[in-house]
Every structure is written in C-alpha cells, then in structure tokens.
Amino acid sequence: MNKLDPAPKRAKVFWSGRSQAVRLPKEFRVEGDEVTIRREGNAIVLEPPPAPDDWAWLDEVIGHFSESAILAIEESHSEAQQRPDLEKLFN
C-alpha cells in the first residue's frame, strides 16, 4: 500500500458494547494495541502513537544544563532583538 494511494478503501463500522469500532482492512493494520485519533474537517485520522523514546534525546540534553544556564538562556531571549534591515524589508 502506497502512502500516497488516492483510492479510498472501505472499512466496517460496528458496535462493541457501548463503543463504536472500525474493523481495519489487512493493509491498514497497525503495530500495538492503540492509535491516536483526531478530526481534520470531516476526516477521522488514526495514527500510531509516538514511540515512547522519541524525545528521550531531549531529556538527555536538557539534563546536562544547570538551572542557572537555563535561566540565562531565557533572560537573553526575553528582549526583542533590533533588526533594522528586516524592518525595512517588511515595512
């Protein structure tokens, strides 16, 4: 199944107890036992949840900064930067 396949497929909708469920065709099977779900206009989008370690690298990096270093970074970004050339370009 090509990710860009424009041909829509049909899936059966049924009730499981008091919940509505969708039986996915074989080519749409997902790993694991859950998906994330959201609406985009009239579409319902199902996606595999992000892997638990997707952001682990960030935790490792942030853990190496001291509290004072983080405060210094925040303070240095709190004031608006003066960029006259950009102001001329966009005004």
Protein backbone atom coordinates (compact mmCIF):
# COMPACT_ATOMS: atom_id res chain seq x y z
CA MET A 1 0.00 0.00 0.00
CA ASN A 2 1.49 3.29 -1.12
CA LYS A 3 1.26 6.12 1.42
CA LEU A 4 0.00 8.41 -1.35
CA ASP A 5 -2.56 5.93 -2.73
CA PRO A 6 -5.58 8.12 -3.58
CA ALA A 7 -8.01 5.20 -3.86
CA PRO A 8 -10.18 5.19 -0.73
CA LYS A 9 -10.82 1.87 0.99
CA ARG A 10 -13.91 0.92 2.96
CA ALA A 11 -13.96 -0.42 6.49
CA LYS A 12 -16.80 -1.90 8.53
CA VAL A 13 -18.16 0.09 11.46
CA PHE A 14 -19.77 -1.88 14.29
CA TRP A 15 -20.66 -1.65 17.95
CA SER A 16 -18.61 -3.28 20.68
CA GLY A 17 -20.60 -2.86 23.87
CA ARG A 18 -21.38 0.85 24.09
CA SER A 19 -18.43 1.88 21.88
CA GLN A 20 -18.35 2.24 18.13
CA ALA A 21 -15.45 0.41 16.46
CA VAL A 22 -13.93 0.12 12.99
CA ARG A 23 -12.61 -3.12 11.51
CA LEU A 24 -9.49 -2.13 9.56
CA PRO A 25 -8.63 -3.90 6.31
CA LYS A 26 -5.46 -6.00 6.41
CA GLU A 27 -3.34 -3.41 4.59
CA PHE A 28 -4.11 -0.86 7.33
CA ARG A 29 -3.03 -2.99 10.30
CA VAL A 30 -1.02 -1.17 12.96
CA GLU A 31 1.56 -2.34 15.47
CA GLY A 32 0.48 -2.41 19.10
CA ASP A 33 -2.97 -2.08 20.59
CA GLU A 34 -3.67 1.67 20.41
CA VAL A 35 -3.67 4.57 17.98
CA THR A 36 -4.00 8.32 18.35
CA ILE A 37 -7.15 9.75 16.79
CA ARG A 38 -8.12 13.25 15.70
CA ARG A 39 -10.51 15.02 13.36
CA GLU A 40 -9.37 17.03 10.34
CA GLY A 41 -12.51 18.62 8.96
CA ASN A 42 -14.82 15.70 8.13
CA ALA A 43 -11.95 13.20 8.16
CA ILE A 44 -11.05 10.99 11.11
CA VAL A 45 -7.31 10.35 11.23
CA LEU A 46 -5.83 7.34 13.02
CA GLU A 47 -2.07 7.27 13.63
CA PRO A 48 0.25 5.07 15.63
CA PRO A 49 1.20 6.77 18.90
CA PRO A 50 4.70 8.24 19.00
CA ALA A 51 7.36 5.86 20.24
CA PRO A 52 8.00 6.40 23.96
CA ASP A 53 11.65 7.29 23.40
CA ASP A 54 11.10 9.82 20.58
CA TRP A 55 12.01 12.66 22.96
CA ALA A 56 14.49 10.76 25.14
CA TRP A 57 17.40 12.54 23.43
CA LEU A 58 15.97 15.88 24.57
CA ASP A 59 15.78 14.73 28.19
CA GLU A 60 19.42 13.70 27.98
CA VAL A 61 20.48 17.08 26.58
CA ILE A 62 18.40 19.17 28.98
CA GLY A 63 19.68 17.16 31.92
CA HIS A 64 23.20 18.47 31.18
CA PHE A 65 22.21 22.14 31.62
CA SER A 66 22.24 23.66 35.09
CA GLU A 67 19.29 25.69 36.36
CA SER A 68 21.34 28.90 36.07
CA ALA A 69 22.21 28.14 32.43
CA ILE A 70 18.53 27.67 31.56
CA LEU A 71 17.63 30.95 33.31
CA ALA A 72 20.40 32.78 31.41
CA ILE A 73 19.06 31.46 28.10
CA GLU A 74 15.51 32.53 28.97
CA GLU A 75 16.67 36.01 30.02
CA SER A 76 18.70 36.51 26.84
CA HIS A 77 15.61 35.78 24.73
CA SER A 78 13.20 37.92 26.73
CA GLU A 79 14.08 41.22 24.99
CA ALA A 80 13.07 41.93 21.40
CA GLN A 81 16.00 41.98 19.00
CA GLN A 82 16.69 45.13 16.98
CA ARG A 83 16.90 44.25 13.28
CA PRO A 84 16.60 47.44 11.22
CA ASP A 85 17.34 45.71 7.91
CA LEU A 86 14.46 43.29 8.45
CA GLU A 87 12.17 46.13 9.50
CA LYS A 88 12.95 47.93 6.22
CA LEU A 89 12.29 44.75 4.27
CA PHE A 90 8.87 44.05 5.82
CA ASN A 91 7.58 47.61 6.26
